[in-house]
Amino acid sequence: MSRRIVGAMVVAALCVLPARASAQETPERVMERYFATFQTGDFAGNAAMMDPAALEELKAAMVGLANLAGPESAEQMEEMFSVHSPDELKALSAPALYERMLASVLRGEMRELLSGATIRVMGHVMEGDTAHVVYRMNMTARGTSINQVQVAPLVQVGGAWKVLLTGSFASMIGAVPAPGAAPGQD
């Protein structure tokens, strides 16, 4: 066999291997990588692992809250999102808004807690197209050991597993009135 043919076969194999590796990625492995982004402070990487539709829902809820709160919320918007108005918040991409929110919330003591935490992914349960990944998280907070079993929902988007918002977080977002609606209206 000629060197040219062998070289072409090697190049072809290298092109196929990454596609096969990503197709074989399990919800469990995605959850391990997702948790690692919290520990390292890789909020852009974390946002990339989220379901884009979930990030758009989060953005809509945050913009809705900012509009409801009015000008007096400027300080909180500055602190959490580094913006001064609901219009500036609305101008952010959904992943950028999420990244800024994570960076704001997961700093100081929270960041320290997560950096020392461990997870053990136990598996997943399918419900329709959603994989509910079950994992045990261990951490120590102010001398107290915390050991909890938790569940994270994932869904396939474009052939890749993406993390959804948890049920409680999604419920909170659903309770935020749509922009322009009065509180209590849908």
N, C-alpha and C. Protein backbone atom coordinates (compact mmCIF):
# COMPACT_ATOMS: atom_id res chain seq x y z
N MET A 1 0.86 -1.16 0.00
CA MET A 1 0.00 0.00 0.00
C MET A 1 0.91 1.24 0.00
N SER A 2 0.55 2.22 -0.80
CA SER A 2 1.40 3.40 -0.91
C SER A 2 1.26 4.28 0.34
N ARG A 3 2.29 5.07 0.58
CA ARG A 3 2.28 5.99 1.73
C ARG A 3 1.13 6.99 1.60
N ARG A 4 0.82 7.39 0.38
CA ARG A 4 -0.24 8.35 0.15
C ARG A 4 -1.59 7.78 0.58
N ILE A 5 -1.85 6.53 0.25
CA ILE A 5 -3.12 5.88 0.64
C ILE A 5 -3.18 5.70 2.15
N VAL A 6 -2.08 5.26 2.77
CA VAL A 6 -2.04 5.09 4.23
C VAL A 6 -2.27 6.45 4.90
N GLY A 7 -1.63 7.49 4.39
CA GLY A 7 -1.81 8.82 4.96
C GLY A 7 -3.26 9.28 4.85
N ALA A 8 -3.89 9.02 3.71
CA ALA A 8 -5.30 9.40 3.53
C ALA A 8 -6.19 8.63 4.50
N MET A 9 -5.88 7.36 4.74
CA MET A 9 -6.68 6.55 5.66
C MET A 9 -6.53 7.06 7.10
N VAL A 10 -5.33 7.46 7.47
CA VAL A 10 -5.10 8.00 8.82
C VAL A 10 -5.88 9.30 9.00
N VAL A 11 -5.82 10.18 8.01
CA VAL A 11 -6.55 11.45 8.08
C VAL A 11 -8.05 11.18 8.18
N ALA A 12 -8.55 10.25 7.37
CA ALA A 12 -9.98 9.92 7.41
C ALA A 12 -10.37 9.37 8.78
N ALA A 13 -9.53 8.51 9.34
CA ALA A 13 -9.82 7.94 10.67
C ALA A 13 -9.84 9.03 11.74
N LEU A 14 -8.91 9.97 11.66
CA LEU A 14 -8.87 11.05 12.64
C LEU A 14 -10.10 11.95 12.53
N CYS A 15 -10.63 12.11 11.33
CA CYS A 15 -11.84 12.92 11.16
C CYS A 15 -13.07 12.21 11.72
N VAL A 16 -13.11 10.88 11.62
CA VAL A 16 -14.27 10.12 12.07
C VAL A 16 -14.25 9.93 13.59
N LEU A 17 -13.09 9.77 14.19
CA LEU A 17 -13.02 9.50 15.63
C LEU A 17 -13.68 10.56 16.49
N PRO A 18 -13.44 11.86 16.29
CA PRO A 18 -14.12 12.83 17.13
C PRO A 18 -15.64 12.76 17.01
N ALA A 19 -16.15 12.50 15.81
CA ALA A 19 -17.61 12.40 15.64
C ALA A 19 -18.15 11.20 16.41
N ARG A 20 -17.46 10.08 16.36
CA ARG A 20 -17.92 8.90 17.10
C ARG A 20 -17.82 9.13 18.60
N ALA A 21 -16.77 9.80 19.05
CA ALA A 21 -16.60 10.04 20.49
C ALA A 21 -17.72 10.90 21.02
N SER A 22 -18.10 11.95 20.27
CA SER A 22 -19.17 12.80 20.77
C SER A 22 -20.52 12.10 20.70
N ALA A 23 -20.72 11.23 19.71
CA ALA A 23 -21.98 10.51 19.61
C ALA A 23 -22.12 9.53 20.76
N GLN A 24 -21.02 9.06 21.32
CA GLN A 24 -21.06 8.10 22.42
C GLN A 24 -21.07 8.77 23.79
N GLU A 25 -21.04 10.09 23.83
CA GLU A 25 -21.04 10.77 25.11
C GLU A 25 -22.36 10.50 25.83
N THR A 26 -22.24 10.09 27.06
CA THR A 26 -23.42 9.73 27.84
C THR A 26 -23.91 10.91 28.66
N PRO A 27 -25.17 10.87 29.09
CA PRO A 27 -25.66 11.92 29.99
C PRO A 27 -24.81 11.99 31.27
N GLU A 28 -24.35 10.84 31.74
CA GLU A 28 -23.51 10.82 32.95
C GLU A 28 -22.22 11.58 32.75
N ARG A 29 -21.56 11.35 31.63
CA ARG A 29 -20.29 12.04 31.35
C ARG A 29 -20.51 13.55 31.19
N VAL A 30 -21.61 13.93 30.55
CA VAL A 30 -21.92 15.34 30.40
C VAL A 30 -22.11 15.98 31.77
N MET A 31 -22.81 15.27 32.67
CA MET A 31 -23.04 15.81 34.01
C MET A 31 -21.72 15.99 34.76
N GLU A 32 -20.78 15.06 34.61
CA GLU A 32 -19.47 15.20 35.25
C GLU A 32 -18.73 16.43 34.71
N ARG A 33 -18.77 16.62 33.40
CA ARG A 33 -18.10 17.78 32.80
C ARG A 33 -18.80 19.08 33.21
N TYR A 34 -20.12 19.05 33.28
CA TYR A 34 -20.90 20.22 33.68
C TYR A 34 -20.52 20.64 35.10
N PHE A 35 -20.44 19.69 36.00
CA PHE A 35 -20.06 20.00 37.38
C PHE A 35 -18.64 20.54 37.43
N ALA A 36 -17.75 20.00 36.61
CA ALA A 36 -16.35 20.47 36.59
C ALA A 36 -16.28 21.94 36.19
N THR A 37 -17.19 22.41 35.33
CA THR A 37 -17.16 23.82 34.94
C THR A 37 -17.48 24.73 36.12
N PHE A 38 -18.34 24.27 37.02
CA PHE A 38 -18.62 25.06 38.23
C PHE A 38 -17.37 25.13 39.10
N GLN A 39 -16.69 24.01 39.23
CA GLN A 39 -15.52 23.96 40.10
C GLN A 39 -14.38 24.83 39.59
N THR A 40 -14.22 24.89 38.29
CA THR A 40 -13.11 25.66 37.72
C THR A 40 -13.48 27.10 37.41
N GLY A 41 -14.75 27.43 37.52
CA GLY A 41 -15.20 28.78 37.19
C GLY A 41 -15.30 29.02 35.70
N ASP A 42 -15.41 27.94 34.92
CA ASP A 42 -15.54 28.05 33.47
C ASP A 42 -17.01 28.26 33.12
N PHE A 43 -17.50 29.49 33.34
CA PHE A 43 -18.92 29.75 33.15
C PHE A 43 -19.31 29.78 31.68
N ALA A 44 -18.39 30.14 30.79
CA ALA A 44 -18.68 30.06 29.35
C ALA A 44 -18.84 28.60 28.94
N GLY A 45 -17.98 27.74 29.46
CA GLY A 45 -18.09 26.31 29.19
C GLY A 45 -19.38 25.74 29.75
N ASN A 46 -19.77 26.23 30.93
CA ASN A 46 -21.02 25.79 31.55
C ASN A 46 -22.20 26.20 30.68
N ALA A 47 -22.21 27.45 30.21
CA ALA A 47 -23.29 27.94 29.37
C ALA A 47 -23.39 27.13 28.08
N ALA A 48 -22.25 26.73 27.53
CA ALA A 48 -22.24 25.95 26.29
C ALA A 48 -22.86 24.57 26.50
N MET A 49 -22.90 24.10 27.73
CA MET A 49 -23.49 22.79 28.02
C MET A 49 -24.98 22.86 28.31
N MET A 50 -25.50 24.07 28.39
CA MET A 50 -26.93 24.26 28.68
C MET A 50 -27.77 24.18 27.40
N ASP A 51 -29.02 23.79 27.56
CA ASP A 51 -29.97 23.79 26.46
C ASP A 51 -30.22 25.25 26.06
N PRO A 52 -29.99 25.61 24.80
CA PRO A 52 -30.19 27.00 24.39
C PRO A 52 -31.60 27.52 24.67
N ALA A 53 -32.61 26.68 24.52
CA ALA A 53 -33.99 27.11 24.79
C ALA A 53 -34.16 27.44 26.27
N ALA A 54 -33.52 26.67 27.14
CA ALA A 54 -33.60 26.93 28.58
C ALA A 54 -32.94 28.27 28.91
N LEU A 55 -31.83 28.58 28.25
CA LEU A 55 -31.16 29.86 28.49
C LEU A 55 -32.02 31.03 28.00
N GLU A 56 -32.73 30.82 26.90
CA GLU A 56 -33.64 31.88 26.41
C GLU A 56 -34.78 32.10 27.40
N GLU A 57 -35.31 31.02 27.99
CA GLU A 57 -36.36 31.16 29.01
C GLU A 57 -35.84 31.91 30.23
N LEU A 58 -34.63 31.58 30.63
CA LEU A 58 -34.02 32.27 31.77
C LEU A 58 -33.87 33.75 31.47
N LYS A 59 -33.38 34.07 30.27
CA LYS A 59 -33.21 35.48 29.89
C LYS A 59 -34.55 36.21 29.91
N ALA A 60 -35.56 35.60 29.34
CA ALA A 60 -36.88 36.24 29.32
C ALA A 60 -37.37 36.51 30.73
N ALA A 61 -37.14 35.56 31.64
CA ALA A 61 -37.57 35.75 33.03
C ALA A 61 -36.79 36.87 33.71
N MET A 62 -35.49 36.91 33.50
CA MET A 62 -34.67 37.95 34.13
C MET A 62 -35.02 39.34 33.59
N VAL A 63 -35.26 39.44 32.29
CA VAL A 63 -35.66 40.72 31.69
C VAL A 63 -37.04 41.11 32.23
N GLY A 64 -37.95 40.13 32.34
CA GLY A 64 -39.27 40.40 32.90
C GLY A 64 -39.19 40.91 34.33
N LEU A 65 -38.35 40.29 35.14
CA LEU A 65 -38.17 40.75 36.52
C LEU A 65 -37.58 42.16 36.56
N ALA A 66 -36.61 42.41 35.71
CA ALA A 66 -35.98 43.74 35.68
C ALA A 66 -37.00 44.80 35.28
N ASN A 67 -37.86 44.47 34.33
CA ASN A 67 -38.90 45.42 33.91
C ASN A 67 -39.91 45.67 35.03
N LEU A 68 -40.26 44.63 35.77
CA LEU A 68 -41.21 44.76 36.89
C LEU A 68 -40.61 45.62 38.00
N ALA A 69 -39.33 45.41 38.27
CA ALA A 69 -38.68 46.11 39.38
C ALA A 69 -38.46 47.58 39.07
N GLY A 70 -38.27 47.91 37.82
CA GLY A 70 -38.09 49.31 37.44
C GLY A 70 -36.71 49.84 37.79
N PRO A 71 -36.60 51.17 37.81
CA PRO A 71 -35.29 51.82 38.01
C PRO A 71 -34.62 51.48 39.33
N GLU A 72 -35.40 51.18 40.36
CA GLU A 72 -34.78 50.88 41.65
C GLU A 72 -33.97 49.58 41.63
N SER A 73 -34.10 48.79 40.57
CA SER A 73 -33.33 47.54 40.48
C SER A 73 -31.97 47.74 39.82
N ALA A 74 -31.63 48.95 39.47
CA ALA A 74 -30.37 49.22 38.76
C ALA A 74 -29.16 48.68 39.50
N GLU A 75 -29.14 48.84 40.83
CA GLU A 75 -27.99 48.36 41.61
C GLU A 75 -27.87 46.83 41.53
N GLN A 76 -28.99 46.13 41.64
CA GLN A 76 -28.95 44.67 41.55
C GLN A 76 -28.55 44.21 40.15
N MET A 77 -29.05 44.90 39.11
CA MET A 77 -28.67 44.53 37.74
C MET A 77 -27.17 44.75 37.53
N GLU A 78 -26.66 45.84 38.09
CA GLU A 78 -25.22 46.11 37.97
C GLU A 78 -24.43 45.01 38.66
N GLU A 79 -24.85 44.64 39.87
CA GLU A 79 -24.13 43.64 40.64
C GLU A 79 -24.17 42.26 39.98
N MET A 80 -25.33 41.86 39.49
CA MET A 80 -25.47 40.51 38.97
C MET A 80 -25.08 40.37 37.51
N PHE A 81 -25.40 41.37 36.69
CA PHE A 81 -25.23 41.24 35.25
C PHE A 81 -24.28 42.27 34.63
N SER A 82 -23.79 43.23 35.41
CA SER A 82 -22.94 44.31 34.91
C SER A 82 -23.64 45.13 33.83
N VAL A 83 -24.93 45.39 34.04
CA VAL A 83 -25.71 46.26 33.17
C VAL A 83 -26.43 47.28 34.04
N HIS A 84 -26.91 48.36 33.42
CA HIS A 84 -27.55 49.43 34.18
C HIS A 84 -29.05 49.56 33.94
N SER A 85 -29.59 48.84 32.96
CA SER A 85 -31.01 48.99 32.65
C SER A 85 -31.57 47.69 32.08
N PRO A 86 -32.89 47.55 32.13
CA PRO A 86 -33.51 46.38 31.50
C PRO A 86 -33.18 46.28 30.01
N ASP A 87 -33.04 47.42 29.34
CA ASP A 87 -32.69 47.39 27.91
C ASP A 87 -31.30 46.81 27.69
N GLU A 88 -30.35 47.17 28.55
CA GLU A 88 -29.00 46.60 28.44
C GLU A 88 -29.04 45.10 28.74
N LEU A 89 -29.85 44.71 29.70
CA LEU A 89 -30.00 43.30 30.03
C LEU A 89 -30.58 42.55 28.84
N LYS A 90 -31.59 43.12 28.23
CA LYS A 90 -32.24 42.50 27.07
C LYS A 90 -31.27 42.36 25.90
N ALA A 91 -30.32 43.29 25.78
CA ALA A 91 -29.36 43.25 24.68
C ALA A 91 -28.33 42.13 24.81
N LEU A 92 -28.16 41.59 26.02
CA LEU A 92 -27.21 40.49 26.22
C LEU A 92 -27.72 39.23 25.53
N SER A 93 -26.80 38.43 25.04
CA SER A 93 -27.21 37.11 24.55
C SER A 93 -27.60 36.26 25.76
N ALA A 94 -28.41 35.27 25.54
CA ALA A 94 -28.84 34.41 26.65
C ALA A 94 -27.64 33.72 27.32
N PRO A 95 -26.68 33.18 26.56
CA PRO A 95 -25.51 32.59 27.23
C PRO A 95 -24.70 33.61 28.04
N ALA A 96 -24.54 34.83 27.53
CA ALA A 96 -23.78 35.86 28.25
C ALA A 96 -24.49 36.24 29.55
N LEU A 97 -25.81 36.37 29.50
CA LEU A 97 -26.58 36.67 30.70
C LEU A 97 -26.38 35.57 31.75
N TYR A 98 -26.46 34.33 31.31
CA TYR A 98 -26.28 33.18 32.20
C TYR A 98 -24.87 33.17 32.80
N GLU A 99 -23.87 33.39 31.98
CA GLU A 99 -22.48 33.43 32.45
C GLU A 99 -22.29 34.50 33.52
N ARG A 100 -22.82 35.68 33.27
CA ARG A 100 -22.69 36.77 34.23
C ARG A 100 -23.43 36.45 35.53
N MET A 101 -24.59 35.81 35.41
CA MET A 101 -25.34 35.44 36.60
C MET A 101 -24.54 34.42 37.43
N LEU A 102 -23.98 33.41 36.77
CA LEU A 102 -23.17 32.43 37.48
C LEU A 102 -21.97 33.07 38.16
N ALA A 103 -21.28 33.93 37.43
CA ALA A 103 -20.10 34.58 37.99
C ALA A 103 -20.45 35.40 39.22
N SER A 104 -21.63 36.00 39.21
CA SER A 104 -22.07 36.81 40.35
C SER A 104 -22.47 35.95 41.54
N VAL A 105 -23.24 34.91 41.27
CA VAL A 105 -23.78 34.06 42.34
C VAL A 105 -22.71 33.13 42.91
N LEU A 106 -21.86 32.61 42.04
CA LEU A 106 -20.87 31.61 42.47
C LEU A 106 -19.50 32.24 42.68
N ARG A 107 -19.45 33.15 43.62
CA ARG A 107 -18.17 33.77 43.97
C ARG A 107 -17.99 33.63 45.47
N GLY A 108 -16.81 33.93 45.92
CA GLY A 108 -16.54 33.89 47.36
C GLY A 108 -16.78 32.53 47.97
N GLU A 109 -17.59 32.51 49.02
CA GLU A 109 -17.84 31.28 49.78
C GLU A 109 -18.49 30.19 48.91
N MET A 110 -19.42 30.57 48.05
CA MET A 110 -20.07 29.58 47.18
C MET A 110 -19.06 28.93 46.25
N ARG A 111 -18.17 29.73 45.69
CA ARG A 111 -17.14 29.19 44.79
C ARG A 111 -16.22 28.24 45.56
N GLU A 112 -15.89 28.61 46.78
CA GLU A 112 -15.04 27.77 47.62
C GLU A 112 -15.73 26.45 47.93
N LEU A 113 -17.01 26.51 48.26
CA LEU A 113 -17.78 25.29 48.53
C LEU A 113 -17.76 24.35 47.34
N LEU A 114 -18.04 24.89 46.17
CA LEU A 114 -18.09 24.06 44.97
C LEU A 114 -16.72 23.51 44.58
N SER A 115 -15.68 24.30 44.81
CA SER A 115 -14.35 23.82 44.42
C SER A 115 -13.92 22.61 45.24
N GLY A 116 -14.44 22.48 46.46
CA GLY A 116 -14.10 21.34 47.30
C GLY A 116 -15.13 20.22 47.26
N ALA A 117 -16.21 20.41 46.52
CA ALA A 117 -17.28 19.41 46.45
C ALA A 117 -16.90 18.27 45.51
N THR A 118 -17.52 17.15 45.72
CA THR A 118 -17.35 16.02 44.81
C THR A 118 -18.73 15.52 44.40
N ILE A 119 -18.78 14.94 43.22
CA ILE A 119 -20.02 14.28 42.81
C ILE A 119 -19.68 12.86 42.37
N ARG A 120 -20.64 12.01 42.58
CA ARG A 120 -20.56 10.64 42.06
C ARG A 120 -21.84 10.41 41.27
N VAL A 121 -21.69 10.34 39.96
CA VAL A 121 -22.84 10.12 39.10
C VAL A 121 -23.22 8.65 39.19
N MET A 122 -24.50 8.40 39.45
CA MET A 122 -24.97 7.03 39.65
C MET A 122 -25.66 6.44 38.43
N GLY A 123 -26.12 7.29 37.52
CA GLY A 123 -26.80 6.78 36.33
C GLY A 123 -27.88 7.74 35.90
N HIS A 124 -28.69 7.27 34.95
CA HIS A 124 -29.78 8.12 34.50
C HIS A 124 -31.03 7.29 34.24
N VAL A 125 -32.16 7.97 34.27
CA VAL A 125 -33.46 7.38 33.98
C VAL A 125 -34.06 8.20 32.85
N MET A 126 -34.53 7.52 31.81
CA MET A 126 -35.14 8.21 30.69
C MET A 126 -36.63 8.44 30.95
N GLU A 127 -37.09 9.63 30.58
CA GLU A 127 -38.51 9.97 30.61
C GLU A 127 -38.76 10.69 29.29
N GLY A 128 -39.32 9.99 28.34
CA GLY A 128 -39.46 10.55 27.00
C GLY A 128 -38.08 10.82 26.43
N ASP A 129 -37.83 12.08 26.03
CA ASP A 129 -36.52 12.43 25.48
C ASP A 129 -35.60 13.06 26.52
N THR A 130 -36.03 13.06 27.78
CA THR A 130 -35.24 13.66 28.85
C THR A 130 -34.54 12.58 29.66
N ALA A 131 -33.23 12.77 29.85
CA ALA A 131 -32.46 11.88 30.73
C ALA A 131 -32.31 12.57 32.07
N HIS A 132 -32.82 11.94 33.12
CA HIS A 132 -32.68 12.48 34.47
C HIS A 132 -31.45 11.82 35.09
N VAL A 133 -30.37 12.57 35.22
CA VAL A 133 -29.11 12.05 35.75
C VAL A 133 -29.14 12.16 37.27
N VAL A 134 -28.92 11.03 37.93
CA VAL A 134 -28.92 10.97 39.39
C VAL A 134 -27.46 10.99 39.85
N TYR A 135 -27.17 11.89 40.80
CA TYR A 135 -25.81 11.97 41.32
C TYR A 135 -25.84 12.30 42.80
N ARG A 136 -24.76 11.94 43.49
CA ARG A 136 -24.59 12.26 44.89
C ARG A 136 -23.53 13.34 45.01
N MET A 137 -23.88 14.43 45.69
CA MET A 137 -22.95 15.53 45.89
C MET A 137 -22.52 15.56 47.35
N ASN A 138 -21.23 15.66 47.58
CA ASN A 138 -20.67 15.79 48.92
C ASN A 138 -19.89 17.08 49.00
N MET A 139 -20.14 17.85 50.07
CA MET A 139 -19.37 19.07 50.30
C MET A 139 -19.40 19.37 51.79
N THR A 140 -18.51 20.25 52.19
CA THR A 140 -18.47 20.69 53.58
C THR A 140 -18.69 22.20 53.61
N ALA A 141 -19.67 22.62 54.39
CA ALA A 141 -20.00 24.03 54.53
C ALA A 141 -19.92 24.41 56.00
N ARG A 142 -18.99 25.30 56.32
CA ARG A 142 -18.81 25.77 57.69
C ARG A 142 -18.71 24.62 58.69
N GLY A 143 -17.92 23.64 58.32
CA GLY A 143 -17.67 22.51 59.20
C GLY A 143 -18.74 21.42 59.17
N THR A 144 -19.81 21.64 58.43
CA THR A 144 -20.88 20.66 58.34
C THR A 144 -20.81 19.93 57.01
N SER A 145 -20.80 18.60 57.08
CA SER A 145 -20.77 17.79 55.87
C SER A 145 -22.17 17.71 55.27
N ILE A 146 -22.26 17.97 53.99
CA ILE A 146 -23.53 17.90 53.26
C ILE A 146 -23.38 16.79 52.23
N ASN A 147 -24.33 15.87 52.26
CA ASN A 147 -24.30 14.71 51.39
C ASN A 147 -25.71 14.54 50.84
N GLN A 148 -25.92 14.90 49.57
CA GLN A 148 -27.26 14.87 48.99
C GLN A 148 -27.29 14.14 47.67
N VAL A 149 -28.40 13.45 47.44
CA VAL A 149 -28.66 12.87 46.13
C VAL A 149 -29.49 13.90 45.38
N GLN A 150 -29.08 14.18 44.15
CA GLN A 150 -29.77 15.18 43.34
C GLN A 150 -30.00 14.63 41.94
N VAL A 151 -30.87 15.30 41.20
CA VAL A 151 -31.21 14.88 39.84
C VAL A 151 -31.08 16.10 38.93
N ALA A 152 -30.47 15.88 37.77
CA ALA A 152 -30.34 16.95 36.77
C ALA A 152 -30.93 16.44 35.46
N PRO A 153 -31.84 17.22 34.85
CA PRO A 153 -32.43 16.80 33.57
C PRO A 153 -31.55 17.24 32.39
N LEU A 154 -31.40 16.34 31.43
CA LEU A 154 -30.66 16.63 30.20
C LEU A 154 -31.51 16.21 29.01
N VAL A 155 -31.33 16.88 27.89
CA VAL A 155 -32.04 16.57 26.66
C VAL A 155 -31.06 16.68 25.50
N GLN A 156 -31.30 15.90 24.45
CA GLN A 156 -30.41 15.99 23.30
C GLN A 156 -30.83 17.15 22.40
N VAL A 157 -29.84 17.96 22.04
CA VAL A 157 -30.03 19.08 21.13
C VAL A 157 -28.95 18.96 20.06
N GLY A 158 -29.36 18.78 18.84
CA GLY A 158 -28.38 18.66 17.76
C GLY A 158 -27.45 17.48 17.95
N GLY A 159 -27.92 16.40 18.55
CA GLY A 159 -27.11 15.21 18.77
C GLY A 159 -26.23 15.24 20.00
N ALA A 160 -26.28 16.31 20.78
CA ALA A 160 -25.46 16.42 22.00
C ALA A 160 -26.37 16.57 23.21
N TRP A 161 -25.98 15.99 24.33
CA TRP A 161 -26.74 16.14 25.56
C TRP A 161 -26.52 17.53 26.12
N LYS A 162 -27.62 18.21 26.44
CA LYS A 162 -27.57 19.56 27.01
C LYS A 162 -28.36 19.56 28.32
N VAL A 163 -27.90 20.36 29.26
CA VAL A 163 -28.51 20.43 30.59
C VAL A 163 -29.70 21.38 30.55
N LEU A 164 -30.80 20.94 31.14
CA LEU A 164 -32.00 21.77 31.28
C LEU A 164 -31.98 22.45 32.64
N LEU A 165 -32.81 23.44 32.82
CA LEU A 165 -32.99 24.03 34.14
C LEU A 165 -33.68 23.00 35.03
N THR A 166 -33.35 22.99 36.30
CA THR A 166 -34.00 22.06 37.22
C THR A 166 -35.47 22.42 37.35
N GLY A 167 -36.27 21.49 37.81
CA GLY A 167 -37.70 21.70 37.94
C GLY A 167 -38.06 22.90 38.79
N SER A 168 -37.39 23.07 39.93
CA SER A 168 -37.72 24.19 40.81
C SER A 168 -37.35 25.52 40.17
N PHE A 169 -36.24 25.55 39.46
CA PHE A 169 -35.82 26.78 38.79
C PHE A 169 -36.76 27.09 37.64
N ALA A 170 -37.13 26.06 36.88
CA ALA A 170 -38.05 26.26 35.76
C ALA A 170 -39.40 26.75 36.27
N SER A 171 -39.86 26.24 37.41
CA SER A 171 -41.13 26.69 37.99
C SER A 171 -41.06 28.16 38.37
N MET A 172 -39.92 28.56 38.95
CA MET A 172 -39.76 29.96 39.33
C MET A 172 -39.83 30.85 38.09
N ILE A 173 -39.19 30.42 37.01
CA ILE A 173 -39.21 31.20 35.77
C ILE A 173 -40.63 31.28 35.23
N GLY A 174 -41.37 30.18 35.31
CA GLY A 174 -42.74 30.17 34.84
C GLY A 174 -43.64 31.11 35.62
N ALA A 175 -43.28 31.43 36.85
CA ALA A 175 -44.08 32.32 37.68
C ALA A 175 -43.85 33.79 37.37
N VAL A 176 -42.80 34.09 36.59
CA VAL A 176 -42.50 35.48 36.24
C VAL A 176 -43.44 35.91 35.11
N PRO A 177 -44.16 37.02 35.28
CA PRO A 177 -45.06 37.48 34.22
C PRO A 177 -44.29 37.81 32.95
N ALA A 178 -44.91 37.55 31.82
CA ALA A 178 -44.30 37.90 30.54
C ALA A 178 -44.15 39.42 30.46
N PRO A 179 -43.12 39.91 29.75
CA PRO A 179 -42.95 41.35 29.63
C PRO A 179 -44.25 41.99 29.12
N GLY A 180 -44.70 43.05 29.78
CA GLY A 180 -45.91 43.75 29.41
C GLY A 180 -47.16 43.24 30.09
N ALA A 181 -47.09 42.04 30.70
CA ALA A 181 -48.27 41.49 31.39
C ALA A 181 -48.28 41.96 32.83
N ALA A 182 -49.45 42.13 33.36
CA ALA A 182 -49.57 42.51 34.76
C ALA A 182 -49.33 41.28 35.62
N PRO A 183 -48.77 41.42 36.81
CA PRO A 183 -48.58 40.27 37.69
C PRO A 183 -49.89 39.52 37.88
N GLY A 184 -49.79 38.16 37.81
CA GLY A 184 -50.98 37.33 37.98
C GLY A 184 -51.67 37.02 36.66
N GLN A 185 -51.19 37.60 35.53
CA GLN A 185 -51.76 37.31 34.22
C GLN A 185 -50.81 36.40 33.45
N ASP A 186 -51.37 35.61 32.57
CA ASP A 186 -50.56 34.79 31.68
C ASP A 186 -50.57 35.35 30.29
